C-alpha atoms as a PDB file:
ATOM      1  CA  MET A   1     -34.616  79.676  10.813  1.00  0.00           C
ATOM      2  CA  LYS A   2     -37.798  81.104   9.281  1.00  0.00           C
ATOM      3  CA  LEU A   3     -41.072  80.686  11.117  1.00  0.00           C
ATOM      4  CA  SER A   4     -42.456  78.563   8.284  1.00  0.00           C
ATOM      5  CA  ASP A   5     -39.539  76.115   8.744  1.00  0.00           C
ATOM      6  CA  TYR A   6     -40.925  74.981  12.110  1.00  0.00           C
ATOM      7  CA  LYS A   7     -43.160  71.929  11.728  1.00  0.00           C
ATOM      8  CA  ASP A   8     -45.235  69.651  13.934  1.00  0.00           C
ATOM      9  CA  GLU A   9     -44.069  69.456  17.563  1.00  0.00           C
ATOM     10  CA  ALA A  10     -41.358  72.075  17.016  1.00  0.00           C
ATOM     11  CA  ALA A  11     -44.002  74.503  15.713  1.00  0.00           C
ATOM     12  CA  LEU A  12     -46.217  73.810  18.728  1.00  0.00           C
ATOM     13  CA  ASP A  13     -43.321  74.326  21.135  1.00  0.00           C
ATOM     14  CA  LEU A  14     -42.335  77.562  19.415  1.00  0.00           C
ATOM     15  CA  LEU A  15     -45.878  78.917  19.540  1.00  0.00           C
ATOM     16  CA  ALA A  16     -46.285  77.936  23.197  1.00  0.00           C
ATOM     17  CA  ASP A  17     -43.045  79.722  24.073  1.00  0.00           C
ATOM     18  CA  LEU A  18     -44.036  82.873  22.156  1.00  0.00           C
ATOM     19  CA  ILE A  19     -47.599  83.327  23.417  1.00  0.00           C
ATOM     20  CA  GLU A  20     -46.824  84.888  26.783  1.00  0.00           C
ATOM     21  CA  PRO A  21     -44.128  87.398  25.771  1.00  0.00           C
ATOM     22  CA  ALA A  22     -45.912  88.335  22.539  1.00  0.00           C
ATOM     23  CA  THR A  23     -49.159  88.927  24.412  1.00  0.00           C
ATOM     24  CA  GLU A  24     -47.355  91.119  26.941  1.00  0.00           C
ATOM     25  CA  ILE A  25     -45.794  93.236  24.205  1.00  0.00           C
ATOM     26  CA  LEU A  26     -48.925  93.497  22.089  1.00  0.00           C
ATOM     27  CA  ALA A  27     -51.123  94.351  25.075  1.00  0.00           C
ATOM     28  CA  ASP A  28     -49.201  97.627  25.320  1.00  0.00           C
ATOM     29  CA  ALA A  29     -51.431 100.305  23.774  1.00  0.00           C
ATOM     30  CA  GLU A  30     -48.425 102.458  22.784  1.00  0.00           C
ATOM     31  CA  VAL A  31     -46.761  99.584  20.929  1.00  0.00           C
ATOM     32  CA  ARG A  32     -50.010  98.670  19.148  1.00  0.00           C
ATOM     33  CA  LYS A  33     -50.696 102.281  18.146  1.00  0.00           C
ATOM     34  CA  ALA A  34     -47.192 102.733  16.733  1.00  0.00           C
ATOM     35  CA  ALA A  35     -47.509  99.486  14.767  1.00  0.00           C
ATOM     36  CA  GLU A  36     -50.982 100.398  13.484  1.00  0.00           C
ATOM     37  CA  ASP A  37     -49.694 103.825  12.401  1.00  0.00           C
ATOM     38  CA  GLY A  38     -47.032 102.062  10.313  1.00  0.00           C
ATOM     39  CA  SER A  39     -44.148 103.110  12.530  1.00  0.00           C
ATOM     40  CA  ARG A  40     -42.466  99.737  12.881  1.00  0.00           C
ATOM     41  CA  LEU A  41     -39.246 101.162  14.300  1.00  0.00           C
ATOM     42  CA  ARG A  42     -41.142 103.160  16.938  1.00  0.00           C
ATOM     43  CA  ALA A  43     -43.132 100.045  17.877  1.00  0.00           C
ATOM     44  CA  VAL A  44     -39.896  98.052  18.232  1.00  0.00           C
ATOM     45  CA  ALA A  45     -38.263 100.825  20.279  1.00  0.00           C
ATOM     46  CA  LEU A  46     -41.282 100.970  22.607  1.00  0.00           C
ATOM     47  CA  ALA A  47     -41.330  97.186  22.950  1.00  0.00           C
ATOM     48  CA  ILE A  48     -37.631  97.146  23.840  1.00  0.00           C
ATOM     49  CA  LYS A  49     -37.943 100.046  26.298  1.00  0.00           C
ATOM     50  CA  ASN A  50     -41.123  98.858  28.006  1.00  0.00           C
ATOM     51  CA  HIS A  51     -40.834  95.049  27.765  1.00  0.00           C
ATOM     52  CA  LYS A  52     -37.169  94.091  27.920  1.00  0.00           C
ATOM     53  CA  ARG A  53     -37.697  90.621  29.409  1.00  0.00           C
ATOM     54  CA  ALA A  54     -40.455  89.781  26.917  1.00  0.00           C
ATOM     55  CA  VAL A  55     -38.301  90.920  23.970  1.00  0.00           C
ATOM     56  CA  MET A  56     -35.363  88.891  25.291  1.00  0.00           C
ATOM     57  CA  SER A  57     -37.672  85.885  25.662  1.00  0.00           C
ATOM     58  CA  VAL A  58     -38.871  86.185  22.044  1.00  0.00           C
ATOM     59  CA  LEU A  59     -35.313  86.512  20.737  1.00  0.00           C
ATOM     60  CA  ALA A  60     -34.126  83.590  22.870  1.00  0.00           C
ATOM     61  CA  THR A  61     -37.010  81.432  21.645  1.00  0.00           C
ATOM     62  CA  PHE A  62     -36.128  82.060  18.001  1.00  0.00           C
ATOM     63  CA  ASP A  63     -32.483  81.276  18.733  1.00  0.00           C
ATOM     64  CA  GLY A  64     -33.417  78.077  20.586  1.00  0.00           C
ATOM     65  CA  VAL A  65     -31.746  79.248  23.788  1.00  0.00           C
ATOM     66  CA  PRO A  66     -33.318  79.411  27.260  1.00  0.00           C
ATOM     67  CA  ALA A  67     -34.204  83.031  28.077  1.00  0.00           C
ATOM     68  CA  THR A  68     -32.039  82.863  31.205  1.00  0.00           C
ATOM     69  CA  GLU A  69     -28.988  82.075  29.061  1.00  0.00           C
ATOM     70  CA  TYR A  70     -29.690  84.452  26.168  1.00  0.00           C
ATOM     71  CA  HIS A  71     -27.456  87.459  25.594  1.00  0.00           C
ATOM     72  CA  CYS A  72     -27.570  90.180  22.977  1.00  0.00           C
ATOM     73  CA  ASN A  73     -25.644  93.363  22.427  1.00  0.00           C
ATOM     74  CA  VAL A  74     -26.078  96.605  20.553  1.00  0.00           C
ATOM     75  CA  LEU A  75     -24.104  95.233  17.598  1.00  0.00           C
ATOM     76  CA  THR A  76     -26.016  91.967  17.121  1.00  0.00           C
ATOM     77  CA  LEU A  77     -29.507  93.112  18.129  1.00  0.00           C
ATOM     78  CA  PRO A  78     -30.297  95.251  15.044  1.00  0.00           C
ATOM     79  CA  ALA A  79     -29.363  92.406  12.693  1.00  0.00           C
ATOM     80  CA  LYS A  80     -31.498  89.979  14.682  1.00  0.00           C
ATOM     81  CA  LEU A  81     -34.488  92.332  14.668  1.00  0.00           C
ATOM     82  CA  ILE A  82     -34.148  92.933  10.926  1.00  0.00           C
ATOM     83  CA  GLU A  83     -34.023  89.163  10.372  1.00  0.00           C
ATOM     84  CA  LEU A  84     -37.203  88.700  12.414  1.00  0.00           C
ATOM     85  CA  PHE A  85     -39.094  91.567  10.774  1.00  0.00           C
ATOM     86  CA  ASP A  86     -38.110  90.473   7.262  1.00  0.00           C
ATOM     87  CA  ASP A  87     -39.980  87.196   7.795  1.00  0.00           C
ATOM     88  CA  PRO A  88     -43.587  87.872   6.631  1.00  0.00           C
ATOM     89  CA  ASP A  89     -44.831  84.888   8.656  1.00  0.00           C
ATOM     90  CA  ILE A  90     -43.651  86.542  11.868  1.00  0.00           C
ATOM     91  CA  ALA A  91     -45.518  89.748  11.042  1.00  0.00           C
ATOM     92  CA  GLN A  92     -48.639  87.678  10.425  1.00  0.00           C
ATOM     93  CA  LEU A  93     -48.188  85.778  13.691  1.00  0.00           C
ATOM     94  CA  PHE A  94     -47.765  88.930  15.742  1.00  0.00           C
ATOM     95  CA  THR A  95     -50.676  90.632  13.990  1.00  0.00           C
ATOM     96  CA  PHE A  96     -52.860  87.657  14.888  1.00  0.00           C
ATOM     97  CA  ALA A  97     -51.562  87.593  18.448  1.00  0.00           C
ATOM     98  CA  GLY A  98     -52.230  91.291  18.842  1.00  0.00           C
ATOM     99  CA  GLN A  99     -55.926  90.887  18.195  1.00  0.00           C
ATOM    100  CA  THR A 100     -56.592  90.094  21.827  1.00  0.00           C
ATOM    101  CA  GLU A 101     -58.631  93.032  22.982  1.00  0.00           C
ATOM    102  CA  GLU A 102     -62.400  92.862  22.994  1.00  0.00           C
ATOM    103  CA  GLN A 103     -63.957  94.326  19.898  1.00  0.00           C
ATOM    104  CA  THR A 104     -67.023  96.576  20.052  1.00  0.00           C
ATOM    105  CA  PRO A 105     -69.827  95.238  17.891  1.00  0.00           C
ATOM    106  CA  SER A 106     -70.772  97.416  14.934  1.00  0.00           C
ATOM    107  CA  GLY A 107     -74.495  97.170  15.561  1.00  0.00           C
ATOM    108  CA  SER A 108     -77.108  95.936  17.930  1.00  0.00           C
ATOM    109  CA  PRO A 109     -77.859  92.224  18.293  1.00  0.00           C
ATOM    110  CA  THR A 110     -80.456  90.848  15.936  1.00  0.00           C
ATOM    111  CA  GLU A 111     -83.667  89.259  17.093  1.00  0.00           C
ATOM    112  CA  ASN A 112     -84.378  85.596  16.387  1.00  0.00           C
ATOM    113  CA  THR A 113     -87.285  85.663  13.935  1.00  0.00           C
ATOM    114  CA  GLU A 114     -87.767  81.932  13.569  1.00  0.00           C
ATOM    115  CA  ASP A 115     -91.197  80.511  14.375  1.00  0.00           C
ATOM    116  CA  VAL A 116     -91.203  78.838  17.728  1.00  0.00           C
ATOM    117  CA  ALA A 117     -93.645  75.953  18.259  1.00  0.00           C
ATOM    118  CA  GLN A 118     -95.855  76.630  21.260  1.00  0.00           C
END
């Protein structure tokens, strides 16, 4: 099922179930750097190596299976990952979710120049 197929309560449930594992994966500086450099396969490999439970949780969520009951193998995993990465909505979701670190402002704060009644 494509991400855009989820509606209403199902969409809310899906998002709630994805927040924690996605945040864990995207908080990894190595994964983010690989993704930003355009190396999607390296980012996926790092996510799998460094965040196995989070990756399993994401895959289980998309399959509608509890993470404790989800199983994958080396033959089915590549197809599943390709399916997920071919969905442009998923890329957008994970890009949005990855924007969690504090940004440095580009300049100094501006002064309020409005007249203040005294």
